[in-house]
Amino acid sequence: MEKWYTILRVLPIVAGAFLVLPLLEILTFIKVGGMIGFLPTLLLIILTGMAGAYLLRQQGLATLSRFRGSLSSGQLPANEILEGMLVLVGGTLLILPGFLTDILGLLCLWPLTRQWIIKAFSQQTSRYVQKRAPQSTPYDFQYNSSQDSTPRTIEGEVIGRREDRR
């Protein structure tokens, strides 16, 4: 039930973003086009799309290199996975036509703001998990051996052994 509540709580925000963002982009196109002209505006949109493809490739390869480095040193590449997701989102936003999506895409691709976004996301996720996690620890559980001291027998049939599969 809580899962559906969360989905229903987020749904209006997502729907509003899909409705409001294109309207804001059109308004921004009109304003920028009025200030610098139609052709420079069109060229700027094309240029940011090309820059987005370039930055997506550059930052994506750098993140992949750090990901491989973490794996080869035996560390969990959690930060690199989040960075990779942000690079993908940022590159996609830069490729989409629009000035507002370009600004959001640049924020996702710029390493300093990307680290800030990851830190904020990690803190928010940590607070969410702590709030919803059970308050017990593994040491709180105690097995009462006096209740059931007899071993359990599970009946079954062996279909095949591992040696037979080779």
Foldseek 3Di string as FASTA:
>chain_A
DVVVVVCVVCVVVVVCCVVVVVVVQVVVLVVVCVVPNDVVSVVVQVVLLVVLVVLLVVLLVVLVVVCVVCVVVPHDSPVSVLLNVLSVCLSVLSNDGGDVSPVSSVLSSDVVSVVVVVVVVVVVVVVVCVVPPDPDDPVVDDDDCVVPVDDDDDDDDDDDDPVVVD
